Amino acid sequence: MKFFVDTADVKDIRELNDLGLLDGVTTNPSLILKSGGKIAEVTKQICDIVKGPVSAEVTATEYSEMMQQAKVLAKIADNVCIKVPLTLDGLKACKTIRTEMNRLVNVTLCFSANQALLAAKAGASFISPFVGRIDDIGIDGMELIQEIRQIYDNYDFQTEILVASVRTVNHVKQAALIGADVVTAPPA
């Protein structure tokens, strides 16, 4: 299983990367703004530290704007993975980014197995189910990971399951037991 860190704190990323256990990074615009930097600058710094995928998120909600932002983000570094929301426009952008730009795409904000199936059909490199947020509404988030794993295995989808919104070490253990491909968690 791969380990990503969910932060935009360059110091934390550098420390974790130096341990040799870090496979990638997930960020979002609010994490980057919290770090006090600008999106392009902070993303570039992170990409210079970590050789694996660095998810950088579009903020647009409409396809054409998503594509414009994706092109800007893709120019930052070769290891930028474009992060799009799991909406119809996001799925359309995912397909275009994968086929026309040949870039990795992280489809985020997944809350159901049906959504994960659509993302895989759109060619997503990663699907990000939010297990902690699902737990918050009284549903077992790890059950969703099991469902997605079974669907992806049934149809030989290459989309990697990136478990997000991790709240406990038990989430990490369960993700590993289920066969999730990646877990992303905050540094502390």
N, C-alpha and C. Protein backbone atom coordinates (compact mmCIF):
# COMPACT_ATOMS: atom_id res chain seq x y z
N MET A 1 0.85 -1.18 0.00
CA MET A 1 0.00 0.00 0.00
C MET A 1 0.89 1.24 0.00
N LYS A 2 0.43 2.24 -0.73
CA LYS A 2 1.17 3.50 -0.79
C LYS A 2 0.67 4.45 0.30
N PHE A 3 1.59 5.29 0.78
CA PHE A 3 1.25 6.29 1.77
C PHE A 3 1.45 7.68 1.19
N PHE A 4 0.36 8.46 1.16
CA PHE A 4 0.40 9.86 0.78
C PHE A 4 0.16 10.67 2.05
N VAL A 5 0.63 11.91 2.06
CA VAL A 5 0.33 12.80 3.17
C VAL A 5 -0.61 13.88 2.65
N ASP A 6 -1.58 14.24 3.48
CA ASP A 6 -2.59 15.24 3.12
C ASP A 6 -2.26 16.55 3.82
N THR A 7 -1.45 17.35 3.16
CA THR A 7 -1.01 18.63 3.73
C THR A 7 -0.37 19.47 2.63
N ALA A 8 -0.19 20.75 2.93
CA ALA A 8 0.58 21.62 2.06
C ALA A 8 1.75 22.23 2.83
N ASP A 9 2.01 21.71 4.02
CA ASP A 9 3.11 22.19 4.84
C ASP A 9 4.42 21.59 4.33
N VAL A 10 5.21 22.42 3.67
CA VAL A 10 6.44 21.97 3.02
C VAL A 10 7.41 21.36 4.03
N LYS A 11 7.49 21.93 5.22
CA LYS A 11 8.40 21.40 6.25
C LYS A 11 7.99 19.97 6.63
N ASP A 12 6.70 19.76 6.89
CA ASP A 12 6.22 18.42 7.23
C ASP A 12 6.47 17.44 6.09
N ILE A 13 6.22 17.87 4.87
CA ILE A 13 6.41 17.00 3.71
C ILE A 13 7.88 16.60 3.58
N ARG A 14 8.76 17.57 3.77
CA ARG A 14 10.20 17.28 3.67
C ARG A 14 10.62 16.26 4.73
N GLU A 15 10.16 16.46 5.96
CA GLU A 15 10.51 15.53 7.05
C GLU A 15 10.00 14.12 6.77
N LEU A 16 8.76 13.99 6.31
CA LEU A 16 8.19 12.68 6.01
C LEU A 16 8.88 12.04 4.81
N ASN A 17 9.18 12.85 3.82
CA ASN A 17 9.86 12.32 2.64
C ASN A 17 11.25 11.80 2.99
N ASP A 18 11.93 12.49 3.91
CA ASP A 18 13.27 12.06 4.32
C ASP A 18 13.26 10.70 5.03
N LEU A 19 12.11 10.30 5.56
CA LEU A 19 11.99 8.97 6.18
C LEU A 19 11.98 7.86 5.13
N GLY A 20 11.68 8.24 3.89
CA GLY A 20 11.65 7.26 2.81
C GLY A 20 10.36 6.46 2.72
N LEU A 21 9.32 6.91 3.41
CA LEU A 21 8.05 6.18 3.43
C LEU A 21 6.95 6.88 2.64
N LEU A 22 7.22 8.06 2.12
CA LEU A 22 6.19 8.87 1.47
C LEU A 22 6.15 8.58 -0.03
N ASP A 23 4.96 8.24 -0.52
CA ASP A 23 4.79 7.91 -1.94
C ASP A 23 4.14 9.03 -2.73
N GLY A 24 3.51 10.00 -2.07
CA GLY A 24 2.83 11.08 -2.76
C GLY A 24 2.21 12.04 -1.78
N VAL A 25 1.53 13.05 -2.33
CA VAL A 25 0.93 14.11 -1.52
C VAL A 25 -0.45 14.44 -2.09
N THR A 26 -1.41 14.68 -1.20
CA THR A 26 -2.68 15.26 -1.62
C THR A 26 -2.79 16.63 -0.97
N THR A 27 -3.23 17.59 -1.76
CA THR A 27 -3.44 18.94 -1.26
C THR A 27 -4.80 19.42 -1.74
N ASN A 28 -5.18 20.57 -1.27
CA ASN A 28 -6.34 21.26 -1.82
C ASN A 28 -6.09 22.75 -1.63
N PRO A 29 -6.85 23.59 -2.31
CA PRO A 29 -6.59 25.03 -2.20
C PRO A 29 -6.64 25.57 -0.78
N SER A 30 -7.54 25.06 0.07
CA SER A 30 -7.60 25.59 1.44
C SER A 30 -6.37 25.21 2.24
N LEU A 31 -5.84 24.00 2.04
CA LEU A 31 -4.59 23.62 2.72
C LEU A 31 -3.43 24.50 2.28
N ILE A 32 -3.38 24.81 1.00
CA ILE A 32 -2.30 25.65 0.49
C ILE A 32 -2.42 27.07 1.03
N LEU A 33 -3.63 27.62 1.03
CA LEU A 33 -3.83 28.97 1.57
C LEU A 33 -3.48 29.01 3.06
N LYS A 34 -3.81 27.94 3.79
CA LYS A 34 -3.48 27.86 5.22
C LYS A 34 -1.96 27.89 5.43
N SER A 35 -1.22 27.37 4.45
CA SER A 35 0.25 27.36 4.57
C SER A 35 0.85 28.75 4.33
N GLY A 36 0.03 29.67 3.82
CA GLY A 36 0.48 31.04 3.62
C GLY A 36 1.09 31.32 2.26
N GLY A 37 1.11 30.34 1.38
CA GLY A 37 1.72 30.54 0.07
C GLY A 37 0.70 30.60 -1.04
N LYS A 38 1.21 30.77 -2.25
CA LYS A 38 0.37 30.77 -3.44
C LYS A 38 0.34 29.36 -4.03
N ILE A 39 -0.77 29.03 -4.66
CA ILE A 39 -0.98 27.66 -5.12
C ILE A 39 0.16 27.16 -6.01
N ALA A 40 0.52 27.92 -7.03
CA ALA A 40 1.56 27.46 -7.96
C ALA A 40 2.91 27.31 -7.25
N GLU A 41 3.25 28.27 -6.40
CA GLU A 41 4.55 28.23 -5.72
C GLU A 41 4.66 27.06 -4.74
N VAL A 42 3.63 26.87 -3.92
CA VAL A 42 3.66 25.79 -2.93
C VAL A 42 3.63 24.43 -3.63
N THR A 43 2.80 24.31 -4.66
CA THR A 43 2.73 23.05 -5.40
C THR A 43 4.08 22.72 -6.02
N LYS A 44 4.75 23.70 -6.57
CA LYS A 44 6.08 23.49 -7.17
C LYS A 44 7.08 23.04 -6.10
N GLN A 45 7.06 23.68 -4.94
CA GLN A 45 7.96 23.29 -3.85
C GLN A 45 7.72 21.83 -3.45
N ILE A 46 6.46 21.46 -3.34
CA ILE A 46 6.12 20.08 -2.95
C ILE A 46 6.60 19.10 -4.02
N CYS A 47 6.36 19.44 -5.29
CA CYS A 47 6.77 18.57 -6.39
C CYS A 47 8.28 18.40 -6.46
N ASP A 48 9.01 19.41 -6.03
CA ASP A 48 10.48 19.31 -6.01
C ASP A 48 10.97 18.38 -4.91
N ILE A 49 10.18 18.21 -3.86
CA ILE A 49 10.56 17.34 -2.73
C ILE A 49 10.15 15.90 -2.99
N VAL A 50 8.91 15.70 -3.41
CA VAL A 50 8.32 14.37 -3.56
C VAL A 50 8.32 13.97 -5.03
N LYS A 51 8.82 12.79 -5.30
CA LYS A 51 8.88 12.32 -6.69
C LYS A 51 7.58 11.69 -7.15
N GLY A 52 6.74 11.24 -6.22
CA GLY A 52 5.46 10.62 -6.57
C GLY A 52 4.41 11.66 -6.91
N PRO A 53 3.18 11.21 -7.13
CA PRO A 53 2.10 12.12 -7.51
C PRO A 53 1.79 13.16 -6.43
N VAL A 54 1.56 14.38 -6.87
CA VAL A 54 1.15 15.47 -5.99
C VAL A 54 -0.18 15.98 -6.52
N SER A 55 -1.26 15.69 -5.80
CA SER A 55 -2.59 16.10 -6.25
C SER A 55 -2.78 17.59 -6.03
N ALA A 56 -3.08 18.30 -7.12
CA ALA A 56 -3.37 19.73 -7.08
C ALA A 56 -4.77 19.92 -7.64
N GLU A 57 -5.63 20.58 -6.90
CA GLU A 57 -7.06 20.59 -7.19
C GLU A 57 -7.51 21.81 -7.97
N VAL A 58 -8.38 21.57 -8.95
CA VAL A 58 -9.05 22.67 -9.64
C VAL A 58 -10.12 23.21 -8.70
N THR A 59 -10.44 24.49 -8.84
CA THR A 59 -11.49 25.09 -8.02
C THR A 59 -12.76 25.34 -8.82
N ALA A 60 -12.67 25.23 -10.12
CA ALA A 60 -13.82 25.50 -11.00
C ALA A 60 -14.87 24.41 -10.85
N THR A 61 -16.09 24.76 -11.22
CA THR A 61 -17.19 23.79 -11.18
C THR A 61 -17.70 23.44 -12.58
N GLU A 62 -17.29 24.20 -13.58
CA GLU A 62 -17.72 23.94 -14.95
C GLU A 62 -16.55 23.40 -15.77
N TYR A 63 -16.87 22.51 -16.71
CA TYR A 63 -15.88 21.79 -17.49
C TYR A 63 -14.82 22.70 -18.13
N SER A 64 -15.24 23.73 -18.85
CA SER A 64 -14.26 24.55 -19.58
C SER A 64 -13.28 25.23 -18.63
N GLU A 65 -13.78 25.71 -17.50
CA GLU A 65 -12.91 26.34 -16.51
C GLU A 65 -12.00 25.31 -15.85
N MET A 66 -12.53 24.10 -15.60
CA MET A 66 -11.69 23.03 -15.04
C MET A 66 -10.52 22.74 -15.97
N MET A 67 -10.81 22.69 -17.26
CA MET A 67 -9.76 22.38 -18.23
C MET A 67 -8.71 23.49 -18.28
N GLN A 68 -9.15 24.74 -18.20
CA GLN A 68 -8.19 25.85 -18.17
C GLN A 68 -7.29 25.74 -16.95
N GLN A 69 -7.87 25.48 -15.79
CA GLN A 69 -7.09 25.35 -14.57
C GLN A 69 -6.19 24.13 -14.61
N ALA A 70 -6.68 23.03 -15.18
CA ALA A 70 -5.87 21.81 -15.28
C ALA A 70 -4.61 22.07 -16.11
N LYS A 71 -4.75 22.82 -17.18
CA LYS A 71 -3.59 23.13 -18.03
C LYS A 71 -2.55 23.95 -17.27
N VAL A 72 -3.02 24.88 -16.45
CA VAL A 72 -2.10 25.70 -15.64
C VAL A 72 -1.40 24.82 -14.60
N LEU A 73 -2.16 23.98 -13.91
CA LEU A 73 -1.58 23.11 -12.89
C LEU A 73 -0.59 22.12 -13.50
N ALA A 74 -0.91 21.60 -14.67
CA ALA A 74 -0.04 20.61 -15.32
C ALA A 74 1.33 21.19 -15.67
N LYS A 75 1.39 22.49 -15.88
CA LYS A 75 2.67 23.13 -16.24
C LYS A 75 3.61 23.28 -15.04
N ILE A 76 3.11 23.11 -13.83
CA ILE A 76 3.92 23.31 -12.63
C ILE A 76 5.03 22.27 -12.55
N ALA A 77 4.69 21.01 -12.77
CA ALA A 77 5.69 19.93 -12.69
C ALA A 77 5.10 18.67 -13.32
N ASP A 78 5.98 17.77 -13.71
CA ASP A 78 5.54 16.52 -14.34
C ASP A 78 4.78 15.60 -13.40
N ASN A 79 5.02 15.72 -12.09
CA ASN A 79 4.35 14.82 -11.15
C ASN A 79 3.07 15.40 -10.55
N VAL A 80 2.58 16.51 -11.12
CA VAL A 80 1.29 17.03 -10.67
C VAL A 80 0.19 16.10 -11.18
N CYS A 81 -0.65 15.69 -10.26
CA CYS A 81 -1.84 14.89 -10.55
C CYS A 81 -3.02 15.86 -10.41
N ILE A 82 -3.81 16.00 -11.46
CA ILE A 82 -4.91 16.95 -11.43
C ILE A 82 -6.08 16.36 -10.63
N LYS A 83 -6.54 17.12 -9.65
CA LYS A 83 -7.62 16.67 -8.77
C LYS A 83 -8.91 17.38 -9.19
N VAL A 84 -9.94 16.58 -9.51
CA VAL A 84 -11.22 17.13 -9.95
C VAL A 84 -12.34 16.59 -9.06
N PRO A 85 -13.43 17.35 -8.93
CA PRO A 85 -14.55 16.86 -8.12
C PRO A 85 -15.35 15.80 -8.85
N LEU A 86 -16.02 14.95 -8.09
CA LEU A 86 -16.84 13.90 -8.67
C LEU A 86 -18.23 14.46 -9.01
N THR A 87 -18.25 15.23 -10.09
CA THR A 87 -19.47 15.78 -10.67
C THR A 87 -19.47 15.37 -12.14
N LEU A 88 -20.56 15.61 -12.84
CA LEU A 88 -20.58 15.28 -14.27
C LEU A 88 -19.49 16.04 -15.03
N ASP A 89 -19.35 17.34 -14.73
CA ASP A 89 -18.30 18.12 -15.39
C ASP A 89 -16.92 17.62 -14.97
N GLY A 90 -16.77 17.22 -13.71
CA GLY A 90 -15.50 16.68 -13.24
C GLY A 90 -15.15 15.38 -13.95
N LEU A 91 -16.13 14.51 -14.16
CA LEU A 91 -15.88 13.25 -14.88
C LEU A 91 -15.52 13.51 -16.33
N LYS A 92 -16.18 14.48 -16.94
CA LYS A 92 -15.86 14.85 -18.32
C LYS A 92 -14.42 15.39 -18.39
N ALA A 93 -14.07 16.24 -17.43
CA ALA A 93 -12.70 16.78 -17.38
C ALA A 93 -11.70 15.65 -17.15
N CYS A 94 -12.03 14.71 -16.29
CA CYS A 94 -11.15 13.57 -16.02
C CYS A 94 -10.82 12.85 -17.33
N LYS A 95 -11.83 12.52 -18.09
CA LYS A 95 -11.63 11.79 -19.34
C LYS A 95 -10.73 12.59 -20.29
N THR A 96 -10.98 13.88 -20.41
CA THR A 96 -10.19 14.73 -21.31
C THR A 96 -8.75 14.85 -20.82
N ILE A 97 -8.56 15.07 -19.54
CA ILE A 97 -7.21 15.22 -18.98
C ILE A 97 -6.41 13.94 -19.20
N ARG A 98 -7.05 12.79 -18.98
CA ARG A 98 -6.36 11.50 -19.18
C ARG A 98 -6.02 11.26 -20.65
N THR A 99 -6.97 11.51 -21.54
CA THR A 99 -6.78 11.14 -22.94
C THR A 99 -6.02 12.20 -23.74
N GLU A 100 -6.29 13.47 -23.50
CA GLU A 100 -5.67 14.52 -24.31
C GLU A 100 -4.41 15.10 -23.68
N MET A 101 -4.34 15.12 -22.36
CA MET A 101 -3.17 15.69 -21.68
C MET A 101 -2.25 14.61 -21.14
N ASN A 102 -2.73 13.38 -21.10
CA ASN A 102 -1.97 12.23 -20.59
C ASN A 102 -1.42 12.49 -19.18
N ARG A 103 -2.30 13.02 -18.33
CA ARG A 103 -1.93 13.32 -16.94
C ARG A 103 -2.71 12.44 -15.99
N LEU A 104 -2.13 12.19 -14.81
CA LEU A 104 -2.85 11.49 -13.76
C LEU A 104 -3.99 12.37 -13.25
N VAL A 105 -5.11 11.72 -12.89
CA VAL A 105 -6.26 12.45 -12.37
C VAL A 105 -6.75 11.78 -11.09
N ASN A 106 -6.94 12.59 -10.06
CA ASN A 106 -7.52 12.15 -8.79
C ASN A 106 -8.95 12.69 -8.74
N VAL A 107 -9.93 11.79 -8.81
CA VAL A 107 -11.33 12.20 -8.70
C VAL A 107 -11.70 12.15 -7.22
N THR A 108 -12.06 13.30 -6.67
CA THR A 108 -12.23 13.45 -5.23
C THR A 108 -13.69 13.62 -4.84
N LEU A 109 -13.94 13.53 -3.55
CA LEU A 109 -15.28 13.67 -2.98
C LEU A 109 -16.19 12.53 -3.39
N CYS A 110 -15.70 11.31 -3.24
CA CYS A 110 -16.47 10.11 -3.54
C CYS A 110 -17.17 9.62 -2.28
N PHE A 111 -18.48 9.40 -2.39
CA PHE A 111 -19.27 8.95 -1.24
C PHE A 111 -20.09 7.69 -1.53
N SER A 112 -19.94 7.11 -2.73
CA SER A 112 -20.69 5.88 -3.03
C SER A 112 -19.93 5.02 -4.03
N ALA A 113 -20.25 3.73 -4.03
CA ALA A 113 -19.63 2.80 -4.98
C ALA A 113 -20.05 3.13 -6.41
N ASN A 114 -21.28 3.60 -6.59
CA ASN A 114 -21.72 3.97 -7.93
C ASN A 114 -20.89 5.12 -8.48
N GLN A 115 -20.58 6.10 -7.63
CA GLN A 115 -19.72 7.20 -8.05
C GLN A 115 -18.34 6.69 -8.43
N ALA A 116 -17.80 5.77 -7.63
CA ALA A 116 -16.48 5.21 -7.91
C ALA A 116 -16.46 4.47 -9.24
N LEU A 117 -17.54 3.79 -9.55
CA LEU A 117 -17.66 3.09 -10.83
C LEU A 117 -17.63 4.09 -11.99
N LEU A 118 -18.35 5.18 -11.87
CA LEU A 118 -18.34 6.21 -12.91
C LEU A 118 -16.95 6.81 -13.09
N ALA A 119 -16.26 7.06 -11.99
CA ALA A 119 -14.91 7.62 -12.07
C ALA A 119 -13.96 6.67 -12.78
N ALA A 120 -14.06 5.38 -12.49
CA ALA A 120 -13.22 4.39 -13.16
C ALA A 120 -13.53 4.36 -14.65
N LYS A 121 -14.81 4.41 -15.00
CA LYS A 121 -15.21 4.43 -16.41
C LYS A 121 -14.67 5.67 -17.13
N ALA A 122 -14.52 6.77 -16.39
CA ALA A 122 -13.99 8.01 -16.97
C ALA A 122 -12.47 7.99 -17.06
N GLY A 123 -11.84 6.93 -16.53
CA GLY A 123 -10.39 6.80 -16.64
C GLY A 123 -9.60 7.38 -15.48
N ALA A 124 -10.24 7.60 -14.34
CA ALA A 124 -9.54 8.17 -13.19
C ALA A 124 -8.32 7.34 -12.81
N SER A 125 -7.24 8.02 -12.49
CA SER A 125 -6.04 7.35 -11.97
C SER A 125 -6.27 6.95 -10.52
N PHE A 126 -6.92 7.84 -9.77
CA PHE A 126 -7.23 7.62 -8.36
C PHE A 126 -8.68 8.00 -8.10
N ILE A 127 -9.32 7.28 -7.20
CA ILE A 127 -10.63 7.67 -6.68
C ILE A 127 -10.44 7.91 -5.19
N SER A 128 -10.98 9.02 -4.68
CA SER A 128 -10.78 9.39 -3.28
C SER A 128 -12.09 9.33 -2.49
N PRO A 129 -12.41 8.15 -1.94
CA PRO A 129 -13.57 8.05 -1.04
C PRO A 129 -13.22 8.66 0.32
N PHE A 130 -14.13 9.42 0.90
CA PHE A 130 -13.90 10.14 2.15
C PHE A 130 -14.48 9.35 3.32
N VAL A 131 -13.70 8.40 3.84
CA VAL A 131 -14.22 7.47 4.85
C VAL A 131 -14.61 8.16 6.16
N GLY A 132 -13.84 9.13 6.60
CA GLY A 132 -14.16 9.82 7.85
C GLY A 132 -15.46 10.59 7.77
N ARG A 133 -15.67 11.25 6.65
CA ARG A 133 -16.92 12.01 6.48
C ARG A 133 -18.12 11.07 6.39
N ILE A 134 -17.91 9.90 5.79
CA ILE A 134 -18.99 8.91 5.71
C ILE A 134 -19.29 8.38 7.11
N ASP A 135 -18.24 8.10 7.88
CA ASP A 135 -18.44 7.68 9.28
C ASP A 135 -19.23 8.73 10.06
N ASP A 136 -18.97 10.02 9.77
CA ASP A 136 -19.63 11.11 10.49
C ASP A 136 -21.15 11.08 10.36
N ILE A 137 -21.66 10.51 9.26
CA ILE A 137 -23.11 10.47 9.08
C ILE A 137 -23.70 9.12 9.49
N GLY A 138 -22.89 8.32 10.20
CA GLY A 138 -23.39 7.08 10.76
C GLY A 138 -23.32 5.87 9.84
N ILE A 139 -22.56 5.98 8.77
CA ILE A 139 -22.38 4.86 7.84
C ILE A 139 -20.92 4.44 7.92
N ASP A 140 -20.65 3.15 7.81
CA ASP A 140 -19.28 2.64 7.89
C ASP A 140 -18.53 2.97 6.60
N GLY A 141 -17.61 3.92 6.68
CA GLY A 141 -16.83 4.33 5.51
C GLY A 141 -15.99 3.22 4.93
N MET A 142 -15.52 2.32 5.78
CA MET A 142 -14.67 1.23 5.28
C MET A 142 -15.47 0.21 4.48
N GLU A 143 -16.77 0.12 4.74
CA GLU A 143 -17.62 -0.76 3.92
C GLU A 143 -17.62 -0.27 2.47
N LEU A 144 -17.61 1.05 2.29
CA LEU A 144 -17.53 1.62 0.95
C LEU A 144 -16.23 1.20 0.26
N ILE A 145 -15.13 1.21 1.00
CA ILE A 145 -13.84 0.80 0.41
C ILE A 145 -13.93 -0.66 -0.05
N GLN A 146 -14.55 -1.52 0.75
CA GLN A 146 -14.73 -2.92 0.36
C GLN A 146 -15.54 -3.04 -0.93
N GLU A 147 -16.62 -2.26 -1.03
CA GLU A 147 -17.47 -2.31 -2.22
C GLU A 147 -16.71 -1.86 -3.47
N ILE A 148 -15.96 -0.77 -3.33
CA ILE A 148 -15.19 -0.27 -4.48
C ILE A 148 -14.14 -1.29 -4.89
N ARG A 149 -13.43 -1.87 -3.91
CA ARG A 149 -12.41 -2.87 -4.21
C ARG A 149 -13.01 -4.02 -5.01
N GLN A 150 -14.18 -4.50 -4.57
CA GLN A 150 -14.82 -5.62 -5.26
C GLN A 150 -15.21 -5.24 -6.69
N ILE A 151 -15.80 -4.07 -6.87
CA ILE A 151 -16.20 -3.63 -8.21
C ILE A 151 -14.98 -3.50 -9.11
N TYR A 152 -13.93 -2.84 -8.62
CA TYR A 152 -12.74 -2.65 -9.45
C TYR A 152 -12.09 -3.98 -9.80
N ASP A 153 -12.08 -4.92 -8.86
CA ASP A 153 -11.52 -6.24 -9.14
C ASP A 153 -12.40 -7.02 -10.12
N ASN A 154 -13.72 -6.90 -9.98
CA ASN A 154 -14.64 -7.61 -10.88
C ASN A 154 -14.42 -7.24 -12.33
N TYR A 155 -14.10 -5.97 -12.58
CA TYR A 155 -14.01 -5.48 -13.95
C TYR A 155 -12.60 -5.05 -14.35
N ASP A 156 -11.63 -5.40 -13.52
CA ASP A 156 -10.23 -5.14 -13.81
C ASP A 156 -9.94 -3.66 -14.10
N PHE A 157 -10.60 -2.77 -13.35
CA PHE A 157 -10.31 -1.34 -13.48
C PHE A 157 -8.93 -1.06 -12.90
N GLN A 158 -8.20 -0.16 -13.53
CA GLN A 158 -6.86 0.19 -13.08
C GLN A 158 -6.85 1.38 -12.12
N THR A 159 -8.00 2.00 -11.90
CA THR A 159 -8.12 3.12 -10.97
C THR A 159 -7.69 2.68 -9.58
N GLU A 160 -6.82 3.47 -8.95
CA GLU A 160 -6.35 3.15 -7.60
C GLU A 160 -7.28 3.76 -6.56
N ILE A 161 -7.58 2.99 -5.52
CA ILE A 161 -8.42 3.47 -4.42
C ILE A 161 -7.53 4.22 -3.44
N LEU A 162 -7.79 5.53 -3.31
CA LEU A 162 -7.02 6.42 -2.46
C LEU A 162 -7.91 6.80 -1.27
N VAL A 163 -7.75 6.12 -0.16
CA VAL A 163 -8.60 6.33 1.01
C VAL A 163 -8.27 7.69 1.62
N ALA A 164 -9.29 8.56 1.69
CA ALA A 164 -9.11 9.92 2.18
C ALA A 164 -10.01 10.17 3.39
N SER A 165 -9.83 11.32 4.02
CA SER A 165 -10.57 11.69 5.23
C SER A 165 -10.35 10.64 6.31
N VAL A 166 -9.09 10.21 6.42
CA VAL A 166 -8.69 9.21 7.40
C VAL A 166 -8.65 9.87 8.78
N ARG A 167 -9.34 9.28 9.74
CA ARG A 167 -9.44 9.86 11.07
C ARG A 167 -8.74 9.05 12.14
N THR A 168 -8.52 7.75 11.87
CA THR A 168 -7.96 6.88 12.90
C THR A 168 -6.91 5.95 12.29
N VAL A 169 -6.04 5.41 13.15
CA VAL A 169 -5.07 4.42 12.68
C VAL A 169 -5.80 3.14 12.25
N ASN A 170 -6.98 2.91 12.81
CA ASN A 170 -7.76 1.75 12.40
C ASN A 170 -8.21 1.87 10.95
N HIS A 171 -8.50 3.09 10.50
CA HIS A 171 -8.82 3.30 9.08
C HIS A 171 -7.67 2.81 8.20
N VAL A 172 -6.44 3.12 8.61
CA VAL A 172 -5.26 2.71 7.83
C VAL A 172 -5.16 1.19 7.80
N LYS A 173 -5.29 0.56 8.97
CA LYS A 173 -5.21 -0.90 9.04
C LYS A 173 -6.30 -1.55 8.21
N GLN A 174 -7.53 -1.07 8.34
CA GLN A 174 -8.64 -1.65 7.58
C GLN A 174 -8.43 -1.46 6.08
N ALA A 175 -7.93 -0.30 5.68
CA ALA A 175 -7.67 -0.05 4.26
C ALA A 175 -6.66 -1.05 3.72
N ALA A 176 -5.63 -1.33 4.51
CA ALA A 176 -4.61 -2.30 4.10
C ALA A 176 -5.21 -3.71 4.00
N LEU A 177 -6.03 -4.09 4.96
CA LEU A 177 -6.65 -5.41 4.95
C LEU A 177 -7.60 -5.60 3.77
N ILE A 178 -8.31 -4.53 3.42
CA ILE A 178 -9.26 -4.59 2.31
C ILE A 178 -8.54 -4.62 0.96
N GLY A 179 -7.36 -4.02 0.92
CA GLY A 179 -6.62 -3.98 -0.34
C GLY A 179 -6.69 -2.65 -1.05
N ALA A 180 -6.95 -1.56 -0.29
CA ALA A 180 -6.89 -0.23 -0.89
C ALA A 180 -5.47 0.01 -1.39
N ASP A 181 -5.34 0.80 -2.42
CA ASP A 181 -4.03 1.04 -3.03
C ASP A 181 -3.23 2.11 -2.29
N VAL A 182 -3.93 3.13 -1.78
CA VAL A 182 -3.28 4.30 -1.19
C VAL A 182 -4.09 4.76 0.01
N VAL A 183 -3.40 5.26 1.04
CA VAL A 183 -4.05 5.98 2.13
C VAL A 183 -3.40 7.34 2.21
N THR A 184 -4.22 8.39 2.32
CA THR A 184 -3.68 9.72 2.55
C THR A 184 -4.20 10.21 3.89
N ALA A 185 -3.30 10.79 4.67
CA ALA A 185 -3.67 11.25 6.01
C ALA A 185 -2.84 12.48 6.36
N PRO A 186 -3.36 13.31 7.26
CA PRO A 186 -2.56 14.45 7.73
C PRO A 186 -1.32 13.96 8.45
N PRO A 187 -0.30 14.81 8.57
CA PRO A 187 0.97 14.37 9.16
C PRO A 187 0.91 14.00 10.63
N ALA A 188 -0.01 14.53 11.40
CA ALA A 188 -0.02 14.23 12.84
C ALA A 188 -1.19 13.37 13.24
